[in-house]
Amino acid sequence: QPRVGAFDADGVETGPPPIQLRDGNYLMLYNGFRYITHNDTLPPSKQRLYQVGWVVFNASNPRIILQRSDAPLISAIYDYQRGDAPYTCAYADE
């Protein structure tokens, strides 16, 4: 679920399949995004900024989140990663 003010404030999408940890819980990478507005164009344009986060789910009830990243694990930081697309992408996939 998106979190207000966080790197994943406007949306979350699943990444690769979860990995079972030694304690039985599951670690999952996910793709979070937030919209950024570029005011240097007319009309101003919105762009999705995708970043990779992580979450640990309870093994017996995966609806319970045990831990979640406060900051992105992976971000697009170089110009060639940003491009002219309607999104800036650092993305986890299988």
N, C-alpha and C. Protein backbone atom coordinates (compact mmCIF):
# COMPACT_ATOMS: atom_id res chain seq x y z
N GLN A 1 0.85 -1.17 0.00
CA GLN A 1 0.00 0.00 0.00
C GLN A 1 0.89 1.23 0.00
N PRO A 2 0.58 2.23 -0.83
CA PRO A 2 1.36 3.46 -0.87
C PRO A 2 1.36 4.18 0.49
N ARG A 3 2.41 4.97 0.73
CA ARG A 3 2.56 5.71 1.99
C ARG A 3 2.75 7.19 1.69
N VAL A 4 1.99 8.02 2.33
CA VAL A 4 2.06 9.47 2.13
C VAL A 4 3.47 9.97 2.44
N GLY A 5 4.03 10.75 1.52
CA GLY A 5 5.33 11.36 1.72
C GLY A 5 6.53 10.46 1.47
N ALA A 6 6.30 9.19 1.18
CA ALA A 6 7.40 8.24 0.98
C ALA A 6 7.75 8.13 -0.50
N PHE A 7 8.83 7.42 -0.78
CA PHE A 7 9.26 7.23 -2.17
C PHE A 7 8.22 6.43 -2.97
N ASP A 8 7.34 5.72 -2.29
CA ASP A 8 6.29 4.92 -2.93
C ASP A 8 4.90 5.50 -2.67
N ALA A 9 4.83 6.83 -2.57
CA ALA A 9 3.61 7.52 -2.15
C ALA A 9 2.44 7.37 -3.12
N ASP A 10 2.71 7.21 -4.41
CA ASP A 10 1.63 7.20 -5.38
C ASP A 10 1.29 5.83 -5.93
N GLY A 11 2.07 4.83 -5.60
CA GLY A 11 1.73 3.49 -6.08
C GLY A 11 2.81 2.47 -5.78
N VAL A 12 2.40 1.22 -5.70
CA VAL A 12 3.32 0.10 -5.52
C VAL A 12 2.93 -1.01 -6.48
N GLU A 13 3.93 -1.73 -6.98
CA GLU A 13 3.72 -2.86 -7.87
C GLU A 13 4.65 -3.97 -7.43
N THR A 14 4.21 -5.20 -7.60
CA THR A 14 5.04 -6.33 -7.19
C THR A 14 6.28 -6.43 -8.06
N GLY A 15 7.32 -7.00 -7.47
CA GLY A 15 8.55 -7.26 -8.19
C GLY A 15 8.69 -8.75 -8.42
N PRO A 16 9.90 -9.29 -8.27
CA PRO A 16 10.11 -10.73 -8.43
C PRO A 16 9.41 -11.52 -7.32
N PRO A 17 9.30 -12.83 -7.47
CA PRO A 17 8.67 -13.65 -6.43
C PRO A 17 9.37 -13.48 -5.08
N PRO A 18 8.64 -13.56 -3.98
CA PRO A 18 9.24 -13.43 -2.65
C PRO A 18 10.25 -14.55 -2.37
N ILE A 19 11.17 -14.25 -1.47
CA ILE A 19 12.19 -15.21 -1.04
C ILE A 19 11.90 -15.56 0.41
N GLN A 20 11.86 -16.87 0.71
CA GLN A 20 11.62 -17.28 2.09
C GLN A 20 12.92 -17.16 2.88
N LEU A 21 12.84 -16.48 4.01
CA LEU A 21 13.99 -16.27 4.88
C LEU A 21 14.16 -17.45 5.84
N ARG A 22 15.28 -17.51 6.53
CA ARG A 22 15.55 -18.60 7.47
C ARG A 22 14.50 -18.72 8.57
N ASP A 23 13.93 -17.58 8.96
CA ASP A 23 12.91 -17.61 10.02
C ASP A 23 11.52 -17.96 9.49
N GLY A 24 11.42 -18.22 8.18
CA GLY A 24 10.15 -18.60 7.57
C GLY A 24 9.38 -17.45 6.95
N ASN A 25 9.69 -16.22 7.35
CA ASN A 25 9.03 -15.05 6.78
C ASN A 25 9.50 -14.84 5.34
N TYR A 26 8.84 -13.92 4.64
CA TYR A 26 9.14 -13.70 3.23
C TYR A 26 9.64 -12.28 2.97
N LEU A 27 10.71 -12.18 2.20
CA LEU A 27 11.26 -10.91 1.73
C LEU A 27 10.82 -10.71 0.29
N MET A 28 10.26 -9.56 -0.01
CA MET A 28 9.86 -9.26 -1.38
C MET A 28 10.36 -7.89 -1.78
N LEU A 29 10.93 -7.81 -2.97
CA LEU A 29 11.27 -6.53 -3.58
C LEU A 29 10.02 -6.04 -4.30
N TYR A 30 9.80 -4.74 -4.29
CA TYR A 30 8.65 -4.19 -4.99
C TYR A 30 9.03 -2.87 -5.65
N ASN A 31 8.21 -2.46 -6.60
CA ASN A 31 8.43 -1.22 -7.33
C ASN A 31 7.46 -0.18 -6.81
N GLY A 32 8.02 0.88 -6.25
CA GLY A 32 7.20 1.98 -5.75
C GLY A 32 7.40 3.19 -6.64
N PHE A 33 6.37 4.01 -6.76
CA PHE A 33 6.55 5.23 -7.55
C PHE A 33 5.83 6.40 -6.91
N ARG A 34 6.29 7.56 -7.30
CA ARG A 34 5.62 8.81 -6.95
C ARG A 34 5.68 9.70 -8.17
N TYR A 35 4.73 10.59 -8.28
CA TYR A 35 4.70 11.51 -9.41
C TYR A 35 5.55 12.73 -9.08
N ILE A 36 6.33 13.15 -10.06
CA ILE A 36 7.06 14.41 -9.94
C ILE A 36 6.58 15.32 -11.07
N THR A 37 6.49 16.58 -10.78
CA THR A 37 6.00 17.55 -11.76
C THR A 37 7.16 18.38 -12.29
N HIS A 38 7.19 18.52 -13.62
CA HIS A 38 8.20 19.35 -14.27
C HIS A 38 7.51 20.65 -14.69
N ASN A 39 7.87 21.73 -14.03
CA ASN A 39 7.26 23.02 -14.33
C ASN A 39 7.97 23.78 -15.42
N ASP A 40 9.03 23.17 -16.00
CA ASP A 40 9.79 23.85 -17.04
C ASP A 40 9.18 23.62 -18.43
N THR A 41 8.02 22.98 -18.48
CA THR A 41 7.33 22.78 -19.75
C THR A 41 5.94 23.39 -19.66
N LEU A 42 5.40 23.72 -20.81
CA LEU A 42 4.02 24.23 -20.86
C LEU A 42 3.20 23.27 -21.69
N PRO A 43 2.16 22.69 -21.18
CA PRO A 43 1.78 22.72 -19.77
C PRO A 43 2.75 21.89 -18.93
N PRO A 44 2.78 22.10 -17.63
CA PRO A 44 3.64 21.29 -16.76
C PRO A 44 3.36 19.80 -16.97
N SER A 45 4.41 19.00 -16.92
CA SER A 45 4.23 17.57 -17.15
C SER A 45 4.48 16.78 -15.87
N LYS A 46 3.80 15.65 -15.77
CA LYS A 46 3.98 14.74 -14.63
C LYS A 46 4.77 13.54 -15.12
N GLN A 47 5.65 13.06 -14.27
CA GLN A 47 6.46 11.90 -14.60
C GLN A 47 6.47 10.96 -13.41
N ARG A 48 6.41 9.65 -13.66
CA ARG A 48 6.52 8.67 -12.58
C ARG A 48 7.98 8.42 -12.26
N LEU A 49 8.32 8.50 -11.01
CA LEU A 49 9.66 8.18 -10.54
C LEU A 49 9.59 6.83 -9.84
N TYR A 50 10.08 5.79 -10.54
CA TYR A 50 10.07 4.43 -9.99
C TYR A 50 11.34 4.17 -9.20
N GLN A 51 11.17 3.52 -8.03
CA GLN A 51 12.30 3.11 -7.20
C GLN A 51 11.96 1.76 -6.58
N VAL A 52 12.99 1.00 -6.24
CA VAL A 52 12.80 -0.34 -5.70
C VAL A 52 12.86 -0.30 -4.18
N GLY A 53 11.89 -0.92 -3.54
CA GLY A 53 11.85 -1.04 -2.09
C GLY A 53 11.78 -2.50 -1.69
N TRP A 54 11.78 -2.75 -0.40
CA TRP A 54 11.67 -4.12 0.11
C TRP A 54 10.68 -4.16 1.25
N VAL A 55 10.11 -5.35 1.45
CA VAL A 55 9.14 -5.57 2.52
C VAL A 55 9.29 -7.00 3.02
N VAL A 56 9.09 -7.21 4.33
CA VAL A 56 9.11 -8.55 4.93
C VAL A 56 7.71 -8.85 5.43
N PHE A 57 7.15 -9.97 4.95
CA PHE A 57 5.81 -10.40 5.34
C PHE A 57 5.89 -11.54 6.34
N ASN A 58 4.91 -11.60 7.22
CA ASN A 58 4.76 -12.69 8.17
C ASN A 58 4.44 -13.98 7.41
N ALA A 59 5.14 -15.08 7.75
CA ALA A 59 4.97 -16.34 7.03
C ALA A 59 3.58 -16.94 7.23
N SER A 60 3.03 -16.84 8.43
CA SER A 60 1.74 -17.47 8.70
C SER A 60 0.56 -16.61 8.26
N ASN A 61 0.78 -15.30 8.11
CA ASN A 61 -0.26 -14.40 7.63
C ASN A 61 0.39 -13.30 6.79
N PRO A 62 0.52 -13.53 5.47
CA PRO A 62 1.22 -12.57 4.61
C PRO A 62 0.58 -11.19 4.52
N ARG A 63 -0.58 -11.01 5.12
CA ARG A 63 -1.19 -9.67 5.15
C ARG A 63 -0.51 -8.79 6.20
N ILE A 64 0.29 -9.41 7.07
CA ILE A 64 0.99 -8.67 8.13
C ILE A 64 2.39 -8.30 7.65
N ILE A 65 2.66 -7.01 7.61
CA ILE A 65 3.99 -6.50 7.23
C ILE A 65 4.82 -6.38 8.50
N LEU A 66 5.96 -7.06 8.51
CA LEU A 66 6.85 -7.01 9.68
C LEU A 66 7.86 -5.88 9.58
N GLN A 67 8.39 -5.65 8.39
CA GLN A 67 9.35 -4.56 8.15
C GLN A 67 9.17 -4.05 6.73
N ARG A 68 9.51 -2.78 6.53
CA ARG A 68 9.42 -2.19 5.20
C ARG A 68 10.46 -1.10 5.08
N SER A 69 11.05 -0.98 3.90
CA SER A 69 12.09 0.02 3.70
C SER A 69 11.53 1.43 3.82
N ASP A 70 12.29 2.29 4.50
CA ASP A 70 11.92 3.70 4.59
C ASP A 70 12.45 4.49 3.41
N ALA A 71 13.53 3.99 2.84
CA ALA A 71 14.17 4.63 1.69
C ALA A 71 14.29 3.60 0.58
N PRO A 72 14.37 4.05 -0.67
CA PRO A 72 14.50 3.09 -1.76
C PRO A 72 15.81 2.32 -1.69
N LEU A 73 15.75 1.06 -2.10
CA LEU A 73 16.93 0.21 -2.17
C LEU A 73 17.73 0.54 -3.43
N ILE A 74 17.03 0.80 -4.53
CA ILE A 74 17.65 1.13 -5.81
C ILE A 74 16.90 2.31 -6.42
N SER A 75 17.66 3.28 -6.94
CA SER A 75 17.08 4.46 -7.59
C SER A 75 17.82 4.74 -8.88
N ALA A 76 17.13 5.35 -9.83
CA ALA A 76 17.78 5.82 -11.05
C ALA A 76 18.53 7.11 -10.70
N ILE A 77 19.85 7.12 -10.88
CA ILE A 77 20.62 8.29 -10.49
C ILE A 77 21.41 8.92 -11.63
N TYR A 78 21.55 8.20 -12.74
CA TYR A 78 22.32 8.71 -13.87
C TYR A 78 21.37 9.23 -14.95
N ASP A 79 21.85 10.21 -15.72
CA ASP A 79 21.01 10.80 -16.77
C ASP A 79 20.48 9.76 -17.75
N TYR A 80 21.30 8.78 -18.14
CA TYR A 80 20.85 7.79 -19.12
C TYR A 80 19.75 6.90 -18.55
N GLN A 81 19.59 6.84 -17.23
CA GLN A 81 18.52 6.06 -16.62
C GLN A 81 17.21 6.85 -16.57
N ARG A 82 17.32 8.13 -16.73
CA ARG A 82 16.14 8.99 -16.58
C ARG A 82 15.41 9.17 -17.89
N GLY A 83 16.09 9.43 -18.97
CA GLY A 83 15.48 9.49 -20.29
C GLY A 83 14.34 10.48 -20.44
N ASP A 84 13.65 10.37 -21.57
CA ASP A 84 12.53 11.26 -21.89
C ASP A 84 11.18 10.58 -21.76
N ALA A 85 11.18 9.36 -21.29
CA ALA A 85 9.93 8.61 -21.14
C ALA A 85 9.06 9.27 -20.06
N PRO A 86 7.78 8.88 -19.98
CA PRO A 86 6.93 9.45 -18.94
C PRO A 86 7.21 8.85 -17.56
N TYR A 87 8.32 8.18 -17.41
CA TYR A 87 8.71 7.62 -16.12
C TYR A 87 10.23 7.59 -16.02
N THR A 88 10.73 7.64 -14.79
CA THR A 88 12.14 7.47 -14.50
C THR A 88 12.23 6.12 -13.79
N CYS A 89 13.15 5.28 -14.25
CA CYS A 89 13.00 3.89 -13.88
C CYS A 89 14.21 3.25 -13.20
N ALA A 90 13.98 2.72 -12.02
CA ALA A 90 14.80 1.69 -11.41
C ALA A 90 13.76 0.66 -11.03
N TYR A 91 13.83 -0.52 -11.61
CA TYR A 91 12.71 -1.45 -11.56
C TYR A 91 13.19 -2.86 -11.25
N ALA A 92 12.50 -3.55 -10.36
CA ALA A 92 12.80 -4.95 -10.03
C ALA A 92 11.84 -5.85 -10.78
N ASP A 93 12.40 -6.83 -11.47
CA ASP A 93 11.59 -7.78 -12.24
C ASP A 93 12.26 -9.13 -12.17
N GLU A 94 11.52 -10.18 -12.49
CA GLU A 94 12.14 -11.50 -12.43
C GLU A 94 12.89 -11.84 -13.68
